Amino acid sequence: MKFYDFLDKQPPIGKLVVIEGTQRVLADRALEVLLDRLLPADVRDLNLARFTPEELGDMALLREALQAMPFLAERRVVVVGETQNMRAEPRRELLAVALAVPEGSTLVLVDLLAPRGKGPQGFGVAAGRAAGRIDTTADEGTRERFVVETLERLEASAEPRAIAALAQSEADLAAVRNDLEKLSLAGKKIRLADLERESLSIPDPKAYKFANAVLEGRSGVALGIAHEMFEGDRGAAIPLLYALATACKNVWELARPGGGRLYGRDAWSERTLRPLAPRFGERRARDAYERAVHGIESIVTGRVGSTIEEQRTLVERISLELSNLARR
C-alpha cells in the first residue's frame, strides 16, 4: 500500500514487511512508525536488531536474531536496511529467510527499489502476499501532502502555485524538504518566484562544477568558478551554497552503510560523487552538508551582510573548510 495509506489506515503488521519505493525520507518515516507500533520505547532496545547487508554473511546471524524469544514484549523486530544494494545470490538467500520468519518475530526489509521498475525484482514483488508492503513512491497527491505537512511543521506558508509546482515536480522529497526549510527561514510566505529562483533549479551549471571541485579538494578551481559567478551575479552566494549543500547531501547518502543510491533529479550526479563517499564517510559528509546549510541560513537570516564582499567571503571560507575536509 501507499505510504500515506499505511499511516492513515494502520493495517495489521505481520511477520514480513517490505518498505519499497524510491523516497528515502518516506522510508525513514515508515520505519519509525513501524517501530513505534511494534515495540514500546521501554522494551525496544531489548527486542530490536538491525543489520546491513554486509553483516548478514551466510544469513546465520539473521536466522538467530529472528528465532530469539521476545523479552517483555509481544514480538521481536529485525530490520535489514539498504537491501536494494545486494547482489542476486544474497537476495535469493535473504528471500528464503524472509519467507520463513517464525511466529513472534517481524522482519522488516528496507528495499528502496521502484516496485515496477527495471533492474532487480523487489522483495515485495518476490514475496507476494507473504509481505506487507509500504510503497514510498511519490505521486502528485503524495508530494502535495508531504509539502503541506512540511510547511505545517515549519509553521510556514506558501502560495498555492508554489505548492502545486512542488507537487508536480520530480524532485526527491528530501530535496523538497530542504528547499522549504531554507526558504522558510525568511519568515515570509513562500512564493513561486522564490522556488524558481532558488530551489527547483539552479540555472547556471557552473554552480555544480563549483560544488564538485570543493568536494574533490580542488579549492583553487572552486574559488575561480565562484569568483566568475559573483562577477556576473551579485546574488551568486545562494546558488553556490545550495549546489554545495545538495552535493554534500548526496555524498552523505552514498556514504551510508551498504552504499546508498540517488534518485530523481540527483541520479545524474551519482557517477561523479560515488568515488567521493569513501573519502568523506557518513559522519564527515553529514558535517559538510550541515556547514553548507548553515551558510545559506546565515545569508537568509541576515547574520551575514548583504554586500557582495561579505557573501563572497563566506562562500570562500566554507569552500576552503570543505576542501580541507576532503583532503584529510
Protein backbone atom coordinates (compact mmCIF):
# COMPACT_ATOMS: atom_id res chain seq x y z
CA MET A 1 0.00 0.00 0.00
CA LYS A 2 0.99 3.60 -0.48
CA PHE A 3 2.90 5.35 2.28
CA TYR A 4 0.05 7.58 3.43
CA ASP A 5 -2.43 4.71 3.32
CA PHE A 6 -0.14 2.91 5.76
CA LEU A 7 -0.14 5.92 8.07
CA ASP A 8 -3.88 6.56 7.85
CA LYS A 9 -5.30 3.02 7.84
CA GLN A 10 -2.83 1.44 10.31
CA PRO A 11 -3.11 -2.07 8.82
CA PRO A 12 -2.17 -5.18 10.82
CA ILE A 13 1.56 -5.89 10.79
CA GLY A 14 2.56 -9.48 10.07
CA LYS A 15 5.81 -11.39 10.07
CA LEU A 16 7.31 -9.72 7.00
CA VAL A 17 7.20 -6.06 5.95
CA VAL A 18 8.93 -4.61 2.91
CA ILE A 19 9.46 -0.86 2.68
CA GLU A 20 9.92 -0.22 -1.04
CA GLY A 21 9.90 2.67 -3.47
CA THR A 22 12.45 5.41 -4.01
CA GLN A 23 11.76 8.17 -1.46
CA ARG A 24 14.13 7.67 1.44
CA VAL A 25 12.57 10.41 3.54
CA LEU A 26 9.26 8.49 3.46
CA ALA A 27 11.01 5.16 4.02
CA ASP A 28 12.73 6.50 7.14
CA ARG A 29 9.42 7.74 8.49
CA ALA A 30 7.65 4.47 7.66
CA LEU A 31 10.28 2.54 9.58
CA GLU A 32 9.94 4.90 12.54
CA VAL A 33 6.16 4.45 12.60
CA LEU A 34 6.51 0.68 12.29
CA LEU A 35 8.84 0.51 15.26
CA ASP A 36 6.57 2.75 17.32
CA ARG A 37 3.63 0.44 16.64
CA LEU A 38 5.52 -2.80 17.23
CA LEU A 39 7.80 -2.02 20.16
CA PRO A 40 7.15 0.35 23.07
CA ALA A 41 10.14 2.55 23.81
CA ASP A 42 10.86 0.90 27.16
CA VAL A 43 11.45 -2.54 25.60
CA ARG A 44 12.73 -1.57 22.17
CA ASP A 45 16.43 -1.99 22.82
CA LEU A 46 15.82 -5.50 24.16
CA ASN A 47 13.80 -6.64 21.16
CA LEU A 48 15.23 -4.86 18.12
CA ALA A 49 18.11 -5.96 15.91
CA ARG A 50 19.41 -4.09 12.87
CA PHE A 51 21.64 -5.40 10.10
CA THR A 52 23.26 -4.07 6.95
CA PRO A 53 23.66 -6.47 4.01
CA GLU A 54 27.40 -6.72 4.69
CA GLU A 55 26.73 -8.04 8.20
CA LEU A 56 24.50 -10.90 7.11
CA GLY A 57 27.09 -13.22 5.61
CA ASP A 58 25.52 -16.67 5.28
CA MET A 59 22.34 -15.43 6.98
CA ALA A 60 23.12 -17.33 10.19
CA LEU A 61 23.06 -14.14 12.26
CA LEU A 62 19.74 -13.15 10.76
CA ARG A 63 18.16 -16.54 11.45
CA GLU A 64 19.44 -16.44 15.02
CA ALA A 65 18.03 -12.95 15.59
CA LEU A 66 14.62 -13.98 14.23
CA GLN A 67 14.46 -17.13 16.33
CA ALA A 68 15.24 -15.39 19.63
CA MET A 69 12.31 -15.10 22.03
CA PRO A 70 10.80 -11.66 22.72
CA PHE A 71 11.67 -10.19 26.10
CA LEU A 72 8.81 -8.42 27.90
CA ALA A 73 7.21 -7.71 24.52
CA GLU A 74 4.82 -9.41 22.11
CA ARG A 75 7.44 -9.85 19.41
CA ARG A 76 10.99 -9.25 18.26
CA VAL A 77 11.72 -6.99 15.30
CA VAL A 78 14.65 -7.39 12.94
CA VAL A 79 15.45 -4.71 10.35
CA VAL A 80 17.68 -5.21 7.34
CA GLY A 81 18.45 -1.93 5.61
CA GLU A 82 19.81 -0.99 2.19
CA THR A 83 18.83 -4.34 0.66
CA GLN A 84 18.49 -2.66 -2.75
CA ASN A 85 22.29 -2.81 -2.94
CA MET A 86 22.51 -6.59 -2.58
CA ARG A 87 23.58 -8.84 -5.43
CA ALA A 88 21.40 -11.58 -6.87
CA GLU A 89 22.61 -14.58 -4.84
CA PRO A 90 22.45 -12.86 -1.41
CA ARG A 91 19.00 -11.56 -2.35
CA ARG A 92 17.84 -15.12 -3.03
CA GLU A 93 19.22 -16.26 0.33
CA LEU A 94 17.57 -13.37 2.15
CA LEU A 95 14.25 -14.05 0.45
CA ALA A 96 14.34 -17.66 1.66
CA VAL A 97 14.81 -16.44 5.24
CA ALA A 98 12.13 -13.79 4.81
CA LEU A 99 9.56 -16.36 3.74
CA ALA A 100 10.21 -18.46 6.84
CA VAL A 101 10.05 -15.89 9.67
CA PRO A 102 8.93 -17.69 12.85
CA GLU A 103 5.95 -16.67 14.94
CA GLY A 104 6.76 -13.98 17.47
CA SER A 105 9.09 -12.08 15.12
CA THR A 106 8.73 -9.46 12.40
CA LEU A 107 11.33 -8.95 9.70
CA VAL A 108 11.45 -5.51 8.03
CA LEU A 109 13.34 -5.18 4.76
CA VAL A 110 14.16 -1.67 3.56
CA ASP A 111 14.40 -2.25 -0.18
CA LEU A 112 14.41 1.08 -1.97
CA LEU A 113 13.55 -0.14 -5.44
CA ALA A 114 10.64 1.01 -7.57
CA PRO A 115 8.00 -1.77 -7.29
CA ARG A 116 7.57 -1.92 -11.06
CA GLY A 117 10.96 -0.59 -12.06
CA LYS A 118 13.71 -2.09 -14.13
CA GLY A 119 16.58 -3.99 -12.53
CA PRO A 120 16.41 -6.42 -9.60
CA GLN A 121 13.00 -7.71 -8.59
CA GLY A 122 11.99 -6.10 -5.34
CA PHE A 123 11.43 -8.23 -2.23
CA GLY A 124 7.84 -7.04 -2.06
CA VAL A 125 7.10 -8.41 -5.51
CA ALA A 126 9.04 -11.62 -4.86
CA ALA A 127 7.34 -12.31 -1.52
CA GLY A 128 3.83 -11.67 -2.86
CA ARG A 129 1.07 -11.92 -0.29
CA ALA A 130 3.50 -13.08 2.38
CA ALA A 131 4.70 -9.50 2.78
CA GLY A 132 3.09 -6.31 3.94
CA ARG A 133 4.34 -3.68 1.53
CA ILE A 134 4.79 0.05 2.09
CA ASP A 135 5.37 1.88 -1.18
CA THR A 136 7.26 5.15 -0.81
CA THR A 137 6.99 6.07 -4.49
CA ALA A 138 5.64 9.62 -4.62
CA ASP A 139 2.82 10.55 -6.97
CA GLU A 140 1.42 14.08 -7.15
CA GLY A 141 -1.00 13.55 -4.27
CA THR A 142 1.75 12.19 -2.02
CA ARG A 143 4.00 15.11 -2.89
CA GLU A 144 1.31 17.68 -2.18
CA ARG A 145 0.50 16.20 1.22
CA PHE A 146 4.20 15.99 2.06
CA VAL A 147 4.67 19.66 1.16
CA VAL A 148 1.65 20.73 3.21
CA GLU A 149 2.77 18.71 6.25
CA THR A 150 6.31 20.07 5.98
CA LEU A 151 5.02 23.63 5.87
CA GLU A 152 2.87 22.96 8.94
CA ARG A 153 5.85 21.57 10.81
CA LEU A 154 7.90 24.63 9.88
CA GLU A 155 4.99 26.94 10.81
CA ALA A 156 5.37 28.41 7.32
CA SER A 157 3.05 29.08 4.41
CA ALA A 158 3.32 29.07 0.64
CA GLU A 159 1.37 30.28 -2.35
CA PRO A 160 -0.93 27.64 -3.84
CA ARG A 161 1.07 27.94 -7.07
CA ALA A 162 4.27 27.14 -5.18
CA ILE A 163 2.70 24.07 -3.55
CA ALA A 164 1.40 22.91 -6.92
CA ALA A 165 4.82 23.33 -8.52
CA LEU A 166 6.45 21.19 -5.85
CA ALA A 167 3.69 18.58 -6.09
CA GLN A 168 4.13 18.32 -9.84
CA SER A 169 7.93 18.26 -9.83
CA GLU A 170 10.07 15.13 -9.94
CA ALA A 171 12.44 16.35 -7.25
CA ASP A 172 13.47 13.99 -4.47
CA LEU A 173 11.33 14.70 -1.40
CA ALA A 174 14.40 15.14 0.80
CA ALA A 175 15.47 17.95 -1.54
CA VAL A 176 11.96 19.42 -1.40
CA ARG A 177 12.09 19.38 2.39
CA ASN A 178 15.50 21.07 2.35
CA ASP A 179 14.18 23.72 -0.05
CA LEU A 180 11.23 24.51 2.20
CA GLU A 181 13.38 24.61 5.32
CA LYS A 182 15.74 27.04 3.66
CA LEU A 183 13.04 29.32 2.24
CA SER A 184 11.00 29.32 5.44
CA LEU A 185 13.88 30.97 7.30
CA ALA A 186 12.99 34.28 5.68
CA GLY A 187 9.78 34.26 7.71
CA LYS A 188 7.51 35.16 4.83
CA LYS A 189 5.08 33.37 2.57
CA ILE A 190 6.99 31.26 0.07
CA ARG A 191 6.24 32.38 -3.46
CA LEU A 192 6.54 30.50 -6.74
CA ALA A 193 9.20 33.02 -7.74
CA ASP A 194 11.27 32.03 -4.70
CA LEU A 195 11.19 28.39 -5.76
CA GLU A 196 12.03 29.16 -9.36
CA ARG A 197 14.96 31.33 -8.29
CA GLU A 198 16.47 29.25 -5.51
CA SER A 199 15.05 25.76 -5.28
CA LEU A 200 13.64 23.80 -8.18
CA SER A 201 16.56 24.54 -10.47
CA ILE A 202 19.91 26.27 -10.48
CA PRO A 203 20.15 27.72 -13.96
CA ASP A 204 23.95 28.03 -14.08
CA PRO A 205 25.68 24.64 -14.27
CA LYS A 206 28.84 26.32 -13.03
CA ALA A 207 27.42 26.03 -9.51
CA TYR A 208 27.52 22.23 -9.76
CA LYS A 209 31.07 22.34 -11.12
CA PHE A 210 31.98 24.54 -8.16
CA ALA A 211 30.46 22.07 -5.70
CA ASN A 212 32.23 19.08 -7.23
CA ALA A 213 35.56 20.91 -7.19
CA VAL A 214 35.12 21.72 -3.50
CA LEU A 215 34.36 18.11 -2.59
CA GLU A 216 37.27 16.85 -4.69
CA GLY A 217 39.61 19.11 -2.69
CA ARG A 218 40.38 21.36 -5.70
CA SER A 219 39.90 24.61 -3.84
CA GLY A 220 41.68 26.77 -6.41
CA VAL A 221 39.36 25.62 -9.19
CA ALA A 222 36.30 26.04 -6.95
CA LEU A 223 37.22 29.60 -5.93
CA GLY A 224 37.88 30.52 -9.55
CA ILE A 225 34.37 29.38 -10.53
CA ALA A 226 32.87 31.23 -7.56
CA HIS A 227 34.64 34.48 -8.44
CA GLU A 228 33.42 34.18 -12.04
CA MET A 229 29.83 33.68 -10.88
CA PHE A 230 29.97 36.65 -8.49
CA GLU A 231 31.17 38.87 -11.35
CA GLY A 232 28.00 38.08 -13.29
CA ASP A 233 25.53 37.85 -10.39
CA ARG A 234 25.64 39.74 -7.09
CA GLY A 235 23.31 37.09 -5.64
CA ALA A 236 25.56 34.14 -6.55
CA ALA A 237 26.13 33.06 -2.94
CA ILE A 238 22.78 31.25 -2.57
CA PRO A 239 23.06 29.21 -5.80
CA LEU A 240 26.67 28.30 -4.99
CA LEU A 241 25.95 27.20 -1.43
CA TYR A 242 22.76 25.45 -2.45
CA ALA A 243 24.63 23.42 -5.08
CA LEU A 244 27.27 22.63 -2.47
CA ALA A 245 24.67 21.55 0.11
CA THR A 246 22.98 19.33 -2.48
CA ALA A 247 26.26 17.67 -3.42
CA CYS A 248 27.14 17.12 0.25
CA LYS A 249 23.70 15.63 0.90
CA ASN A 250 24.19 13.23 -1.99
CA VAL A 251 27.66 12.19 -0.81
CA TRP A 252 26.15 11.62 2.65
CA GLU A 253 23.53 9.37 1.09
CA LEU A 254 26.15 7.42 -0.88
CA ALA A 255 28.32 7.05 2.24
CA ARG A 256 25.61 5.24 4.19
CA PRO A 257 26.44 1.68 5.33
CA GLY A 258 26.00 -0.59 2.35
CA GLY A 259 26.19 2.33 -0.06
CA GLY A 260 23.12 4.39 -0.82
CA ARG A 261 21.61 5.35 -4.15
CA LEU A 262 20.48 8.61 -5.71
CA TYR A 263 17.12 9.07 -7.39
CA GLY A 264 15.17 11.64 -9.33
CA ARG A 265 17.00 14.81 -10.25
CA ASP A 266 20.05 13.73 -8.20
CA ALA A 267 20.61 10.43 -10.02
CA TRP A 268 22.74 12.01 -12.77
CA SER A 269 25.42 13.00 -10.22
CA GLU A 270 25.91 9.54 -8.70
CA ARG A 271 28.71 8.56 -11.07
CA THR A 272 30.70 11.65 -10.12
CA LEU A 273 30.00 11.66 -6.40
CA ARG A 274 30.17 7.95 -5.50
CA PRO A 275 34.01 7.85 -5.57
CA LEU A 276 34.00 10.69 -3.02
CA ALA A 277 31.78 8.88 -0.50
CA PRO A 278 34.51 6.60 0.99
CA ARG A 279 36.83 9.60 1.31
CA PHE A 280 34.32 11.52 3.41
CA GLY A 281 32.49 8.77 5.24
CA GLU A 282 28.99 9.19 6.59
CA ARG A 283 29.82 11.47 9.53
CA ARG A 284 32.07 13.91 7.68
CA ALA A 285 29.67 14.09 4.72
CA ARG A 286 26.88 15.00 7.15
CA ASP A 287 29.09 17.65 8.77
CA ALA A 288 29.89 19.11 5.34
CA TYR A 289 26.19 19.23 4.45
CA GLU A 290 25.32 20.99 7.71
CA ARG A 291 28.10 23.52 7.18
CA ALA A 292 26.80 24.41 3.72
CA VAL A 293 23.21 24.70 5.00
CA HIS A 294 24.32 26.92 7.87
CA GLY A 295 25.97 29.17 5.31
CA ILE A 296 22.65 29.53 3.48
CA GLU A 297 20.86 30.21 6.76
CA SER A 298 23.32 32.94 7.69
CA ILE A 299 22.56 34.78 4.43
CA VAL A 300 18.79 34.31 4.52
CA THR A 301 18.51 35.41 8.16
CA GLY A 302 20.85 38.38 7.75
CA ARG A 303 23.62 37.13 10.04
CA VAL A 304 25.94 37.78 7.12
CA GLY A 305 25.69 41.15 5.45
CA SER A 306 24.10 41.71 2.07
CA THR A 307 27.16 43.14 0.31
CA ILE A 308 28.83 41.09 -2.37
CA GLU A 309 32.15 41.24 -0.47
CA GLU A 310 30.65 39.79 2.71
CA GLN A 311 28.84 36.99 0.94
CA ARG A 312 31.81 36.14 -1.28
CA THR A 313 33.99 35.91 1.82
CA LEU A 314 31.51 33.50 3.38
CA VAL A 315 31.47 31.30 0.27
CA GLU A 316 35.27 31.31 0.13
CA ARG A 317 35.59 30.36 3.79
CA ILE A 318 33.14 27.46 3.52
CA SER A 319 34.77 26.29 0.28
CA LEU A 320 38.20 26.16 1.89
CA GLU A 321 36.88 24.41 5.00
CA LEU A 322 35.16 21.67 3.00
CA SER A 323 38.08 21.31 0.55
CA ASN A 324 40.38 20.76 3.51
CA LEU A 325 37.92 18.25 4.90
CA ALA A 326 38.01 16.36 1.61
CA ARG A 327 41.82 16.16 1.67
CA ARG A 328 42.11 14.69 5.17
